[in-house]
């Protein structure tokens, strides 16, 4: 039996805090070819989850917030936010399901935020056309900072 407990959340969070990307996965699937990928994703507020979609291969994505707070974002083709929801288990909003091909991202609000994610397998790294061209590349530090400020402004009412 594989357990999800406070110790696992804490250790994965500690690794996220030490990571340059400010996030860390803990996989429950033992092989990347597994038909269902299951993982913890520990994230810190400074992480940049670049807007993306899961298209070719088409994959729906499901996630539950086990601890912390984040805002799930849906974007249109031009990068405008069309939906935003605060995911906060303390307030009764536990997770989201994102259909394949939908531009989405996440704004992490609290240190120690951990999501449990489920995606159909096998694992397929995202190709460039699955990252939103209207969003900055992760290594564009200035662009990322500006983009994150715009997202924080646009979601101010939920924070």
C-alpha atoms as a PDB file:
ATOM      1  CA  UNK A   1       0.000   0.000   0.000  1.00  0.00           C
ATOM      2  CA  UNK A   2       1.228   3.489  -0.839  1.00  0.00           C
ATOM      3  CA  UNK A   3       0.297   6.146   1.690  1.00  0.00           C
ATOM      4  CA  UNK A   4      -0.133   9.869   1.374  1.00  0.00           C
ATOM      5  CA  UNK A   5       0.613  11.251   4.811  1.00  0.00           C
ATOM      6  CA  UNK A   6       1.938  14.417   6.424  1.00  0.00           C
ATOM      7  CA  UNK A   7       5.500  13.095   6.390  1.00  0.00           C
ATOM      8  CA  UNK A   8       5.385  12.533   2.610  1.00  0.00           C
ATOM      9  CA  UNK A   9       3.831  15.960   2.004  1.00  0.00           C
ATOM     10  CA  UNK A  10       6.458  17.580   4.230  1.00  0.00           C
ATOM     11  CA  UNK A  11       9.422  15.814   2.609  1.00  0.00           C
ATOM     12  CA  UNK A  12       8.194  16.562  -0.922  1.00  0.00           C
ATOM     13  CA  UNK A  13       7.576  20.189   0.069  1.00  0.00           C
ATOM     14  CA  UNK A  14      11.096  20.470   1.470  1.00  0.00           C
ATOM     15  CA  UNK A  15      12.499  19.228  -1.855  1.00  0.00           C
ATOM     16  CA  UNK A  16      10.342  21.785  -3.704  1.00  0.00           C
ATOM     17  CA  UNK A  17      11.711  24.583  -1.544  1.00  0.00           C
ATOM     18  CA  UNK A  18      15.269  23.537  -2.467  1.00  0.00           C
ATOM     19  CA  UNK A  19      14.497  23.159  -6.179  1.00  0.00           C
ATOM     20  CA  UNK A  20      15.329  26.038  -8.550  1.00  0.00           C
ATOM     21  CA  UNK A  21      11.821  25.647 -10.063  1.00  0.00           C
ATOM     22  CA  UNK A  22      10.233  25.753  -6.577  1.00  0.00           C
ATOM     23  CA  UNK A  23       8.292  22.544  -7.200  1.00  0.00           C
ATOM     24  CA  UNK A  24       8.851  18.822  -6.907  1.00  0.00           C
ATOM     25  CA  UNK A  25       6.986  15.705  -8.005  1.00  0.00           C
ATOM     26  CA  UNK A  26       6.643  12.462  -6.106  1.00  0.00           C
ATOM     27  CA  UNK A  27       5.439   9.778  -8.518  1.00  0.00           C
ATOM     28  CA  UNK A  28       3.224   6.919  -7.416  1.00  0.00           C
ATOM     29  CA  UNK A  29       3.301   5.244 -10.825  1.00  0.00           C
ATOM     30  CA  UNK A  30       6.322   2.974 -10.971  1.00  0.00           C
ATOM     31  CA  UNK A  31       6.830   3.118 -14.707  1.00  0.00           C
ATOM     32  CA  UNK A  32       6.355   5.985 -17.167  1.00  0.00           C
ATOM     33  CA  UNK A  33       4.431   3.553 -19.367  1.00  0.00           C
ATOM     34  CA  UNK A  34       1.741   3.022 -16.699  1.00  0.00           C
ATOM     35  CA  UNK A  35      -1.754   3.637 -18.076  1.00  0.00           C
ATOM     36  CA  UNK A  36      -2.469   6.118 -15.268  1.00  0.00           C
ATOM     37  CA  UNK A  37       0.134   8.598 -14.021  1.00  0.00           C
ATOM     38  CA  UNK A  38      -0.377   9.564 -10.359  1.00  0.00           C
ATOM     39  CA  UNK A  39       1.803  11.996  -8.491  1.00  0.00           C
ATOM     40  CA  UNK A  40       2.141  14.581  -5.785  1.00  0.00           C
ATOM     41  CA  UNK A  41       3.189  17.998  -7.004  1.00  0.00           C
ATOM     42  CA  UNK A  42       4.562  20.159  -4.192  1.00  0.00           C
ATOM     43  CA  UNK A  43       4.794  23.810  -5.204  1.00  0.00           C
ATOM     44  CA  UNK A  44       5.876  27.080  -3.681  1.00  0.00           C
ATOM     45  CA  UNK A  45       4.420  30.532  -4.456  1.00  0.00           C
ATOM     46  CA  UNK A  46       7.418  31.513  -6.606  1.00  0.00           C
ATOM     47  CA  UNK A  47       6.977  28.617  -9.017  1.00  0.00           C
ATOM     48  CA  UNK A  48       6.030  29.420 -12.603  1.00  0.00           C
ATOM     49  CA  UNK A  49       3.521  27.004 -14.064  1.00  0.00           C
ATOM     50  CA  UNK A  50       3.666  28.074 -17.691  1.00  0.00           C
ATOM     51  CA  UNK A  51       0.231  28.021 -19.339  1.00  0.00           C
ATOM     52  CA  UNK A  52      -0.080  24.824 -21.314  1.00  0.00           C
ATOM     53  CA  UNK A  53      -2.488  22.266 -22.690  1.00  0.00           C
ATOM     54  CA  UNK A  54      -2.420  18.525 -23.176  1.00  0.00           C
ATOM     55  CA  UNK A  55      -3.003  17.970 -26.872  1.00  0.00           C
ATOM     56  CA  UNK A  56      -1.371  15.334 -29.061  1.00  0.00           C
ATOM     57  CA  UNK A  57      -1.610  13.196 -27.139  1.00  0.00           C
ATOM     58  CA  UNK A  58      -4.972  14.334 -25.803  1.00  0.00           C
ATOM     59  CA  UNK A  59      -4.976  13.980 -22.029  1.00  0.00           C
ATOM     60  CA  UNK A  60      -7.441  15.226 -19.462  1.00  0.00           C
ATOM     61  CA  UNK A  61      -5.811  16.303 -16.210  1.00  0.00           C
ATOM     62  CA  UNK A  62      -7.274  15.961 -12.727  1.00  0.00           C
ATOM     63  CA  UNK A  63      -5.892  17.412  -9.534  1.00  0.00           C
ATOM     64  CA  UNK A  64      -6.859  17.732  -5.892  1.00  0.00           C
ATOM     65  CA  UNK A  65      -5.319  20.183  -3.444  1.00  0.00           C
ATOM     66  CA  UNK A  66      -4.230  18.232  -0.384  1.00  0.00           C
ATOM     67  CA  UNK A  67      -2.699  21.222   1.381  1.00  0.00           C
ATOM     68  CA  UNK A  68      -2.317  24.939   0.713  1.00  0.00           C
ATOM     69  CA  UNK A  69      -4.010  27.215  -1.808  1.00  0.00           C
ATOM     70  CA  UNK A  70      -3.769  27.822  -5.532  1.00  0.00           C
ATOM     71  CA  UNK A  71      -5.780  29.485  -8.257  1.00  0.00           C
ATOM     72  CA  UNK A  72      -6.588  27.347 -11.286  1.00  0.00           C
ATOM     73  CA  UNK A  73      -6.703  29.400 -14.477  1.00  0.00           C
ATOM     74  CA  UNK A  74      -8.250  28.764 -17.879  1.00  0.00           C
ATOM     75  CA  UNK A  75      -7.112  30.895 -20.804  1.00  0.00           C
ATOM     76  CA  UNK A  76      -8.436  31.515 -24.303  1.00  0.00           C
ATOM     77  CA  UNK A  77      -6.290  31.285 -27.442  1.00  0.00           C
ATOM     78  CA  UNK A  78      -5.049  34.873 -26.962  1.00  0.00           C
ATOM     79  CA  UNK A  79      -4.033  34.430 -23.335  1.00  0.00           C
ATOM     80  CA  UNK A  80      -7.025  36.102 -21.692  1.00  0.00           C
ATOM     81  CA  UNK A  81      -8.214  34.498 -18.456  1.00  0.00           C
ATOM     82  CA  UNK A  82     -11.688  33.074 -19.070  1.00  0.00           C
ATOM     83  CA  UNK A  83     -12.070  31.170 -15.790  1.00  0.00           C
ATOM     84  CA  UNK A  84     -10.379  31.345 -12.423  1.00  0.00           C
ATOM     85  CA  UNK A  85     -11.143  29.463  -9.256  1.00  0.00           C
ATOM     86  CA  UNK A  86      -9.545  29.419  -5.831  1.00  0.00           C
ATOM     87  CA  UNK A  87      -8.656  25.880  -4.823  1.00  0.00           C
ATOM     88  CA  UNK A  88      -8.633  25.818  -1.048  1.00  0.00           C
ATOM     89  CA  UNK A  89      -9.590  22.686   0.880  1.00  0.00           C
ATOM     90  CA  UNK A  90     -10.236  24.837   3.970  1.00  0.00           C
ATOM     91  CA  UNK A  91     -12.988  26.629   2.030  1.00  0.00           C
ATOM     92  CA  UNK A  92     -14.404  23.504   0.380  1.00  0.00           C
ATOM     93  CA  UNK A  93     -12.934  23.793  -3.128  1.00  0.00           C
ATOM     94  CA  UNK A  94     -10.746  20.725  -3.489  1.00  0.00           C
ATOM     95  CA  UNK A  95      -9.719  20.316  -7.089  1.00  0.00           C
ATOM     96  CA  UNK A  96     -10.379  20.619 -10.783  1.00  0.00           C
ATOM     97  CA  UNK A  97     -10.626  18.631 -13.974  1.00  0.00           C
ATOM     98  CA  UNK A  98      -9.096  20.154 -17.095  1.00  0.00           C
ATOM     99  CA  UNK A  99     -10.113  18.730 -20.458  1.00  0.00           C
ATOM    100  CA  UNK A 100      -7.514  17.969 -23.115  1.00  0.00           C
ATOM    101  CA  UNK A 101      -6.585  20.895 -25.324  1.00  0.00           C
ATOM    102  CA  UNK A 102      -7.639  23.610 -22.840  1.00  0.00           C
ATOM    103  CA  UNK A 103      -5.019  26.266 -22.035  1.00  0.00           C
ATOM    104  CA  UNK A 104      -4.513  26.276 -18.273  1.00  0.00           C
ATOM    105  CA  UNK A 105      -2.121  27.267 -15.529  1.00  0.00           C
ATOM    106  CA  UNK A 106      -1.848  27.610 -11.802  1.00  0.00           C
ATOM    107  CA  UNK A 107      -0.950  30.398  -9.417  1.00  0.00           C
ATOM    108  CA  UNK A 108       0.291  29.024  -6.087  1.00  0.00           C
ATOM    109  CA  UNK A 109      -0.668  31.199  -3.123  1.00  0.00           C
ATOM    110  CA  UNK A 110       0.725  29.409  -0.058  1.00  0.00           C
ATOM    111  CA  UNK A 111       4.015  27.819   0.841  1.00  0.00           C
ATOM    112  CA  UNK A 112       3.614  24.080   1.294  1.00  0.00           C
ATOM    113  CA  UNK A 113       0.901  23.696  -1.347  1.00  0.00           C
ATOM    114  CA  UNK A 114       0.641  20.084  -2.523  1.00  0.00           C
ATOM    115  CA  UNK A 115      -1.579  18.736  -5.303  1.00  0.00           C
ATOM    116  CA  UNK A 116      -2.381  15.134  -6.138  1.00  0.00           C
ATOM    117  CA  UNK A 117      -2.443  14.862  -9.939  1.00  0.00           C
ATOM    118  CA  UNK A 118      -3.822  12.167 -12.185  1.00  0.00           C
ATOM    119  CA  UNK A 119      -3.301  11.970 -15.957  1.00  0.00           C
ATOM    120  CA  UNK A 120      -3.726   9.175 -18.446  1.00  0.00           C
ATOM    121  CA  UNK A 121      -0.445   7.454 -19.265  1.00  0.00           C
ATOM    122  CA  UNK A 122       1.905   6.671 -20.648  1.00  0.00           C
ATOM    123  CA  UNK A 123       3.936   9.747 -19.712  1.00  0.00           C
ATOM    124  CA  UNK A 124       4.516  12.051 -22.664  1.00  0.00           C
ATOM    125  CA  UNK A 125       6.627  15.178 -22.206  1.00  0.00           C
ATOM    126  CA  UNK A 126       4.861  18.295 -23.430  1.00  0.00           C
ATOM    127  CA  UNK A 127       5.928  19.350 -26.893  1.00  0.00           C
ATOM    128  CA  UNK A 128       6.551  23.031 -27.645  1.00  0.00           C
ATOM    129  CA  UNK A 129       3.119  23.465 -29.260  1.00  0.00           C
ATOM    130  CA  UNK A 130       1.531  22.521 -25.926  1.00  0.00           C
ATOM    131  CA  UNK A 131       3.050  25.593 -24.252  1.00  0.00           C
ATOM    132  CA  UNK A 132       1.258  28.883 -24.821  1.00  0.00           C
ATOM    133  CA  UNK A 133       3.238  31.052 -27.239  1.00  0.00           C
ATOM    134  CA  UNK A 134       1.739  34.139 -25.590  1.00  0.00           C
ATOM    135  CA  UNK A 135       3.418  33.236 -22.278  1.00  0.00           C
ATOM    136  CA  UNK A 136       7.098  33.724 -21.465  1.00  0.00           C
ATOM    137  CA  UNK A 137       9.620  30.897 -21.576  1.00  0.00           C
ATOM    138  CA  UNK A 138      10.672  29.819 -18.069  1.00  0.00           C
ATOM    139  CA  UNK A 139      14.233  31.122 -18.578  1.00  0.00           C
ATOM    140  CA  UNK A 140      12.938  34.628 -19.435  1.00  0.00           C
ATOM    141  CA  UNK A 141      13.176  35.859 -15.833  1.00  0.00           C
ATOM    142  CA  UNK A 142      12.003  39.405 -16.593  1.00  0.00           C
ATOM    143  CA  UNK A 143       9.107  38.163 -18.735  1.00  0.00           C
ATOM    144  CA  UNK A 144       8.056  35.633 -16.111  1.00  0.00           C
ATOM    145  CA  UNK A 145       8.122  38.284 -13.374  1.00  0.00           C
ATOM    146  CA  UNK A 146       5.930  40.629 -15.438  1.00  0.00           C
ATOM    147  CA  UNK A 147       3.559  37.805 -16.455  1.00  0.00           C
ATOM    148  CA  UNK A 148       3.172  36.621 -12.844  1.00  0.00           C
ATOM    149  CA  UNK A 149       2.450  40.193 -11.698  1.00  0.00           C
ATOM    150  CA  UNK A 150      -0.289  40.453 -14.353  1.00  0.00           C
ATOM    151  CA  UNK A 151      -1.798  37.135 -13.226  1.00  0.00           C
ATOM    152  CA  UNK A 152      -1.711  38.216  -9.570  1.00  0.00           C
ATOM    153  CA  UNK A 153      -3.450  41.495 -10.494  1.00  0.00           C
ATOM    154  CA  UNK A 154      -6.109  39.695 -12.541  1.00  0.00           C
ATOM    155  CA  UNK A 155      -6.838  37.258  -9.712  1.00  0.00           C
ATOM    156  CA  UNK A 156      -6.629  39.729  -6.823  1.00  0.00           C
ATOM    157  CA  UNK A 157     -10.255  39.201  -5.812  1.00  0.00           C
ATOM    158  CA  UNK A 158      -9.572  35.502  -5.084  1.00  0.00           C
ATOM    159  CA  UNK A 159      -6.375  35.931  -3.094  1.00  0.00           C
END
